[in-house]
Amino acid sequence: MRARLCSCLGSWGLLGLRRQGQFGRDFWFFPVAIRQNSVTGYIWVYGRRQRVRYAFSQIRNFVCFG
């Protein structure tokens, strides 16, 4: 998962969580930073971007478009 997200830094992708999160289970995600155990990026909520961070253990899949 980490390698897949690293190759998609700065590109929009569809992020899938293992469990339902605050913004749903699947949503558009723009990764900007990879840490040892997590990824930080932006999602689009009500016309504004919001910064979020997810642990790799929370992520089910990620598909990059770009």
PDB file of N, CA and C in Angstrom:
ATOM      1  N   MET A   1       0.821  -1.189   0.000  1.00  0.00           N
ATOM      2  CA  MET A   1       0.000   0.000   0.000  1.00  0.00           C
ATOM      3  C   MET A   1       0.868   1.257   0.000  1.00  0.00           C
ATOM      4  N   ARG A   2       1.905   1.227   0.804  1.00  0.00           N
ATOM      5  CA  ARG A   2       2.782   2.392   0.892  1.00  0.00           C
ATOM      6  C   ARG A   2       3.398   2.723  -0.469  1.00  0.00           C
ATOM      7  N   ALA A   3       3.886   1.719  -1.182  1.00  0.00           N
ATOM      8  CA  ALA A   3       4.503   1.941  -2.490  1.00  0.00           C
ATOM      9  C   ALA A   3       3.491   2.501  -3.491  1.00  0.00           C
ATOM     10  N   ARG A   4       2.275   1.989  -3.453  1.00  0.00           N
ATOM     11  CA  ARG A   4       1.230   2.464  -4.356  1.00  0.00           C
ATOM     12  C   ARG A   4       0.915   3.935  -4.100  1.00  0.00           C
ATOM     13  N   LEU A   5       0.816   4.309  -2.824  1.00  0.00           N
ATOM     14  CA  LEU A   5       0.534   5.699  -2.480  1.00  0.00           C
ATOM     15  C   LEU A   5       1.717   6.610  -2.820  1.00  0.00           C
ATOM     16  N   CYS A   6       2.935   6.122  -2.625  1.00  0.00           N
ATOM     17  CA  CYS A   6       4.118   6.917  -2.966  1.00  0.00           C
ATOM     18  C   CYS A   6       4.142   7.275  -4.447  1.00  0.00           C
ATOM     19  N   SER A   7       3.763   6.330  -5.290  1.00  0.00           N
ATOM     20  CA  SER A   7       3.786   6.593  -6.730  1.00  0.00           C
ATOM     21  C   SER A   7       2.652   7.516  -7.160  1.00  0.00           C
ATOM     22  N   CYS A   8       1.701   7.773  -6.275  1.00  0.00           N
ATOM     23  CA  CYS A   8       0.553   8.616  -6.614  1.00  0.00           C
ATOM     24  C   CYS A   8       0.544   9.952  -5.879  1.00  0.00           C
ATOM     25  N   LEU A   9       1.636  10.321  -5.240  1.00  0.00           N
ATOM     26  CA  LEU A   9       1.670  11.612  -4.552  1.00  0.00           C
ATOM     27  C   LEU A   9       1.363  12.734  -5.534  1.00  0.00           C
ATOM     28  N   GLY A  10       0.472  13.627  -5.149  1.00  0.00           N
ATOM     29  CA  GLY A  10       0.122  14.744  -6.008  1.00  0.00           C
ATOM     30  C   GLY A  10      -0.896  14.412  -7.076  1.00  0.00           C
ATOM     31  N   SER A  11      -1.564  13.268  -6.979  1.00  0.00           N
ATOM     32  CA  SER A  11      -2.592  12.873  -7.945  1.00  0.00           C
ATOM     33  C   SER A  11      -3.847  12.417  -7.206  1.00  0.00           C
ATOM     34  N   TRP A  12      -4.998  12.732  -7.748  1.00  0.00           N
ATOM     35  CA  TRP A  12      -6.253  12.285  -7.146  1.00  0.00           C
ATOM     36  C   TRP A  12      -6.415  10.789  -7.333  1.00  0.00           C
ATOM     37  N   GLY A  13      -7.004  10.156  -6.340  1.00  0.00           N
ATOM     38  CA  GLY A  13      -7.277   8.734  -6.411  1.00  0.00           C
ATOM     39  C   GLY A  13      -8.475   8.380  -5.557  1.00  0.00           C
ATOM     40  N   LEU A  14      -8.947   7.182  -5.712  1.00  0.00           N
ATOM     41  CA  LEU A  14     -10.080   6.693  -4.943  1.00  0.00           C
ATOM     42  C   LEU A  14      -9.544   5.856  -3.782  1.00  0.00           C
ATOM     43  N   LEU A  15      -9.825   6.295  -2.568  1.00  0.00           N
ATOM     44  CA  LEU A  15      -9.351   5.636  -1.363  1.00  0.00           C
ATOM     45  C   LEU A  15     -10.483   4.820  -0.760  1.00  0.00           C
ATOM     46  N   GLY A  16     -10.200   3.584  -0.405  1.00  0.00           N
ATOM     47  CA  GLY A  16     -11.183   2.720   0.244  1.00  0.00           C
ATOM     48  C   GLY A  16     -10.717   2.355   1.637  1.00  0.00           C
ATOM     49  N   LEU A  17     -11.561   2.594   2.624  1.00  0.00           N
ATOM     50  CA  LEU A  17     -11.225   2.258   4.009  1.00  0.00           C
ATOM     51  C   LEU A  17     -11.773   0.887   4.376  1.00  0.00           C
ATOM     52  N   ARG A  18     -11.150   0.234   5.334  1.00  0.00           N
ATOM     53  CA  ARG A  18     -11.615  -1.069   5.814  1.00  0.00           C
ATOM     54  C   ARG A  18     -12.957  -0.944   6.533  1.00  0.00           C
ATOM     55  N   ARG A  19     -13.136   0.143   7.275  1.00  0.00           N
ATOM     56  CA  ARG A  19     -14.390   0.400   8.001  1.00  0.00           C
ATOM     57  C   ARG A  19     -14.918   1.772   7.626  1.00  0.00           C
ATOM     58  N   GLN A  20     -16.200   1.953   7.797  1.00  0.00           N
ATOM     59  CA  GLN A  20     -16.839   3.235   7.508  1.00  0.00           C
ATOM     60  C   GLN A  20     -16.157   4.337   8.308  1.00  0.00           C
ATOM     61  N   GLY A  21     -15.739   5.413   7.633  1.00  0.00           N
ATOM     62  CA  GLY A  21     -15.104   6.540   8.292  1.00  0.00           C
ATOM     63  C   GLY A  21     -16.020   7.742   8.341  1.00  0.00           C
ATOM     64  N   GLN A  22     -15.500   8.841   8.776  1.00  0.00           N
ATOM     65  CA  GLN A  22     -16.260  10.085   8.895  1.00  0.00           C
ATOM     66  C   GLN A  22     -16.824  10.544   7.546  1.00  0.00           C
ATOM     67  N   PHE A  23     -16.108  10.255   6.460  1.00  0.00           N
ATOM     68  CA  PHE A  23     -16.518  10.713   5.140  1.00  0.00           C
ATOM     69  C   PHE A  23     -17.029   9.571   4.261  1.00  0.00           C
ATOM     70  N   GLY A  24     -17.317   8.436   4.858  1.00  0.00           N
ATOM     71  CA  GLY A  24     -17.780   7.279   4.113  1.00  0.00           C
ATOM     72  C   GLY A  24     -16.702   6.213   4.053  1.00  0.00           C
ATOM     73  N   ARG A  25     -16.967   5.225   3.232  1.00  0.00           N
ATOM     74  CA  ARG A  25     -15.997   4.130   3.111  1.00  0.00           C
ATOM     75  C   ARG A  25     -15.091   4.308   1.891  1.00  0.00           C
ATOM     76  N   ASP A  26     -15.593   4.912   0.827  1.00  0.00           N
ATOM     77  CA  ASP A  26     -14.819   5.173  -0.394  1.00  0.00           C
ATOM     78  C   ASP A  26     -14.974   6.640  -0.772  1.00  0.00           C
ATOM     79  N   PHE A  27     -13.869   7.304  -1.072  1.00  0.00           N
ATOM     80  CA  PHE A  27     -13.935   8.721  -1.419  1.00  0.00           C
ATOM     81  C   PHE A  27     -12.665   9.137  -2.151  1.00  0.00           C
ATOM     82  N   TRP A  28     -12.733  10.292  -2.808  1.00  0.00           N
ATOM     83  CA  TRP A  28     -11.591  10.845  -3.531  1.00  0.00           C
ATOM     84  C   TRP A  28     -10.587  11.385  -2.526  1.00  0.00           C
ATOM     85  N   PHE A  29      -9.306  11.133  -2.795  1.00  0.00           N
ATOM     86  CA  PHE A  29      -8.236  11.488  -1.868  1.00  0.00           C
ATOM     87  C   PHE A  29      -7.034  11.973  -2.665  1.00  0.00           C
ATOM     88  N   PHE A  30      -6.374  13.027  -2.176  1.00  0.00           N
ATOM     89  CA  PHE A  30      -5.200  13.619  -2.818  1.00  0.00           C
ATOM     90  C   PHE A  30      -4.023  13.498  -1.855  1.00  0.00           C
ATOM     91  N   PRO A  31      -3.207  12.444  -1.961  1.00  0.00           N
ATOM     92  CA  PRO A  31      -2.098  12.249  -1.014  1.00  0.00           C
ATOM     93  C   PRO A  31      -0.969  13.259  -1.232  1.00  0.00           C
ATOM     94  N   VAL A  32      -0.445  13.807  -0.127  1.00  0.00           N
ATOM     95  CA  VAL A  32       0.644  14.781  -0.227  1.00  0.00           C
ATOM     96  C   VAL A  32       1.877  14.405   0.592  1.00  0.00           C
ATOM     97  N   ALA A  33       1.724  13.516   1.587  1.00  0.00           N
ATOM     98  CA  ALA A  33       2.874  13.137   2.416  1.00  0.00           C
ATOM     99  C   ALA A  33       2.707  11.711   2.912  1.00  0.00           C
ATOM    100  N   ILE A  34       3.800  10.963   2.839  1.00  0.00           N
ATOM    101  CA  ILE A  34       3.824   9.588   3.319  1.00  0.00           C
ATOM    102  C   ILE A  34       4.706   9.543   4.556  1.00  0.00           C
ATOM    103  N   ARG A  35       4.188   9.012   5.630  1.00  0.00           N
ATOM    104  CA  ARG A  35       4.942   8.827   6.868  1.00  0.00           C
ATOM    105  C   ARG A  35       5.221   7.333   7.032  1.00  0.00           C
ATOM    106  N   GLN A  36       5.855   6.961   8.123  1.00  0.00           N
ATOM    107  CA  GLN A  36       6.208   5.565   8.347  1.00  0.00           C
ATOM    108  C   GLN A  36       4.971   4.673   8.398  1.00  0.00           C
ATOM    109  N   ASN A  37       3.920   5.133   9.069  1.00  0.00           N
ATOM    110  CA  ASN A  37       2.724   4.302   9.250  1.00  0.00           C
ATOM    111  C   ASN A  37       1.446   4.945   8.742  1.00  0.00           C
ATOM    112  N   SER A  38       1.551   6.094   8.067  1.00  0.00           N
ATOM    113  CA  SER A  38       0.334   6.790   7.657  1.00  0.00           C
ATOM    114  C   SER A  38       0.559   7.622   6.399  1.00  0.00           C
ATOM    115  N   VAL A  39      -0.548   8.081   5.845  1.00  0.00           N
ATOM    116  CA  VAL A  39      -0.521   8.966   4.686  1.00  0.00           C
ATOM    117  C   VAL A  39      -1.386  10.186   5.020  1.00  0.00           C
ATOM    118  N   THR A  40      -0.921  11.357   4.608  1.00  0.00           N
ATOM    119  CA  THR A  40      -1.653  12.607   4.811  1.00  0.00           C
ATOM    120  C   THR A  40      -2.026  13.158   3.451  1.00  0.00           C
ATOM    121  N   GLY A  41      -3.203  13.725   3.374  1.00  0.00           N
ATOM    122  CA  GLY A  41      -3.640  14.300   2.114  1.00  0.00           C
ATOM    123  C   GLY A  41      -4.904  15.113   2.294  1.00  0.00           C
ATOM    124  N   TYR A  42      -5.577  15.381   1.190  1.00  0.00           N
ATOM    125  CA  TYR A  42      -6.771  16.222   1.188  1.00  0.00           C
ATOM    126  C   TYR A  42      -7.954  15.482   0.590  1.00  0.00           C
ATOM    127  N   ILE A  43      -9.121  15.811   1.113  1.00  0.00           N
ATOM    128  CA  ILE A  43     -10.378  15.387   0.514  1.00  0.00           C
ATOM    129  C   ILE A  43     -11.199  16.635   0.271  1.00  0.00           C
ATOM    130  N   TRP A  44     -12.233  16.529  -0.518  1.00  0.00           N
ATOM    131  CA  TRP A  44     -13.094  17.659  -0.863  1.00  0.00           C
ATOM    132  C   TRP A  44     -14.423  17.484  -0.138  1.00  0.00           C
ATOM    133  N   VAL A  45     -14.752  18.432   0.760  1.00  0.00           N
ATOM    134  CA  VAL A  45     -15.974  18.354   1.555  1.00  0.00           C
ATOM    135  C   VAL A  45     -16.704  19.689   1.470  1.00  0.00           C
ATOM    136  N   TYR A  46     -17.941  19.651   0.964  1.00  0.00           N
ATOM    137  CA  TYR A  46     -18.786  20.850   0.876  1.00  0.00           C
ATOM    138  C   TYR A  46     -18.071  22.027   0.208  1.00  0.00           C
ATOM    139  N   GLY A  47     -17.385  21.746  -0.893  1.00  0.00           N
ATOM    140  CA  GLY A  47     -16.738  22.809  -1.662  1.00  0.00           C
ATOM    141  C   GLY A  47     -15.424  23.308  -1.087  1.00  0.00           C
ATOM    142  N   ARG A  48     -14.908  22.638  -0.085  1.00  0.00           N
ATOM    143  CA  ARG A  48     -13.632  23.029   0.527  1.00  0.00           C
ATOM    144  C   ARG A  48     -12.750  21.799   0.695  1.00  0.00           C
ATOM    145  N   ARG A  49     -11.453  22.032   0.620  1.00  0.00           N
ATOM    146  CA  ARG A  49     -10.553  20.918   0.874  1.00  0.00           C
ATOM    147  C   ARG A  49     -10.317  20.785   2.377  1.00  0.00           C
ATOM    148  N   GLN A  50     -10.156  19.562   2.804  1.00  0.00           N
ATOM    149  CA  GLN A  50      -9.919  19.280   4.213  1.00  0.00           C
ATOM    150  C   GLN A  50      -8.754  18.320   4.327  1.00  0.00           C
ATOM    151  N   ARG A  51      -7.814  18.653   5.196  1.00  0.00           N
ATOM    152  CA  ARG A  51      -6.636  17.812   5.386  1.00  0.00           C
ATOM    153  C   ARG A  51      -6.990  16.652   6.317  1.00  0.00           C
ATOM    154  N   VAL A  52      -6.593  15.447   5.922  1.00  0.00           N
ATOM    155  CA  VAL A  52      -6.868  14.250   6.718  1.00  0.00           C
ATOM    156  C   VAL A  52      -5.636  13.350   6.730  1.00  0.00           C
ATOM    157  N   ARG A  53      -5.596  12.456   7.713  1.00  0.00           N
ATOM    158  CA  ARG A  53      -4.504  11.487   7.790  1.00  0.00           C
ATOM    159  C   ARG A  53      -5.094  10.121   8.118  1.00  0.00           C
ATOM    160  N   TYR A  54      -4.595   9.095   7.435  1.00  0.00           N
ATOM    161  CA  TYR A  54      -5.059   7.733   7.661  1.00  0.00           C
ATOM    162  C   TYR A  54      -3.866   6.814   7.857  1.00  0.00           C
ATOM    163  N   ALA A  55      -3.984   5.920   8.825  1.00  0.00           N
ATOM    164  CA  ALA A  55      -2.966   4.889   9.033  1.00  0.00           C
ATOM    165  C   ALA A  55      -3.099   3.860   7.912  1.00  0.00           C
ATOM    166  N   PHE A  56      -1.997   3.257   7.521  1.00  0.00           N
ATOM    167  CA  PHE A  56      -2.049   2.244   6.463  1.00  0.00           C
ATOM    168  C   PHE A  56      -2.960   1.084   6.859  1.00  0.00           C
ATOM    169  N   SER A  57      -3.049   0.794   8.144  1.00  0.00           N
ATOM    170  CA  SER A  57      -3.905  -0.297   8.607  1.00  0.00           C
ATOM    171  C   SER A  57      -5.390  -0.001   8.398  1.00  0.00           C
ATOM    172  N   GLN A  58      -5.760   1.278   8.230  1.00  0.00           N
ATOM    173  CA  GLN A  58      -7.161   1.655   7.987  1.00  0.00           C
ATOM    174  C   GLN A  58      -7.538   1.534   6.512  1.00  0.00           C
ATOM    175  N   ILE A  59      -6.563   1.503   5.633  1.00  0.00           N
ATOM    176  CA  ILE A  59      -6.816   1.573   4.188  1.00  0.00           C
ATOM    177  C   ILE A  59      -6.993   0.183   3.595  1.00  0.00           C
ATOM    178  N   ARG A  60      -8.081   0.010   2.866  1.00  0.00           N
ATOM    179  CA  ARG A  60      -8.364  -1.249   2.170  1.00  0.00           C
ATOM    180  C   ARG A  60      -7.726  -1.246   0.788  1.00  0.00           C
ATOM    181  N   ASN A  61      -7.887  -0.148   0.030  1.00  0.00           N
ATOM    182  CA  ASN A  61      -7.272  -0.036  -1.290  1.00  0.00           C
ATOM    183  C   ASN A  61      -7.175   1.428  -1.716  1.00  0.00           C
ATOM    184  N   PHE A  62      -6.365   1.659  -2.753  1.00  0.00           N
ATOM    185  CA  PHE A  62      -6.205   2.986  -3.322  1.00  0.00           C
ATOM    186  C   PHE A  62      -5.943   2.836  -4.805  1.00  0.00           C
ATOM    187  N   VAL A  63      -6.707   3.538  -5.605  1.00  0.00           N
ATOM    188  CA  VAL A  63      -6.533   3.520  -7.061  1.00  0.00           C
ATOM    189  C   VAL A  63      -6.221   4.923  -7.502  1.00  0.00           C
ATOM    190  N   CYS A  64      -5.082   5.086  -8.169  1.00  0.00           N
ATOM    191  CA  CYS A  64      -4.594   6.403  -8.595  1.00  0.00           C
ATOM    192  C   CYS A  64      -5.080   6.748 -10.001  1.00  0.00           C
ATOM    193  N   PHE A  65      -5.420   8.007 -10.221  1.00  0.00           N
ATOM    194  CA  PHE A  65      -5.844   8.491 -11.539  1.00  0.00           C
ATOM    195  C   PHE A  65      -4.991   9.694 -11.893  1.00  0.00           C
ATOM    196  N   GLY A  66      -3.940   9.473 -12.624  1.00  0.00           N
ATOM    197  CA  GLY A  66      -3.135  10.624 -13.023  1.00  0.00           C
ATOM    198  C   GLY A  66      -1.705  10.345 -13.229  1.00  0.00           C
TER     199      GLY A  66
END
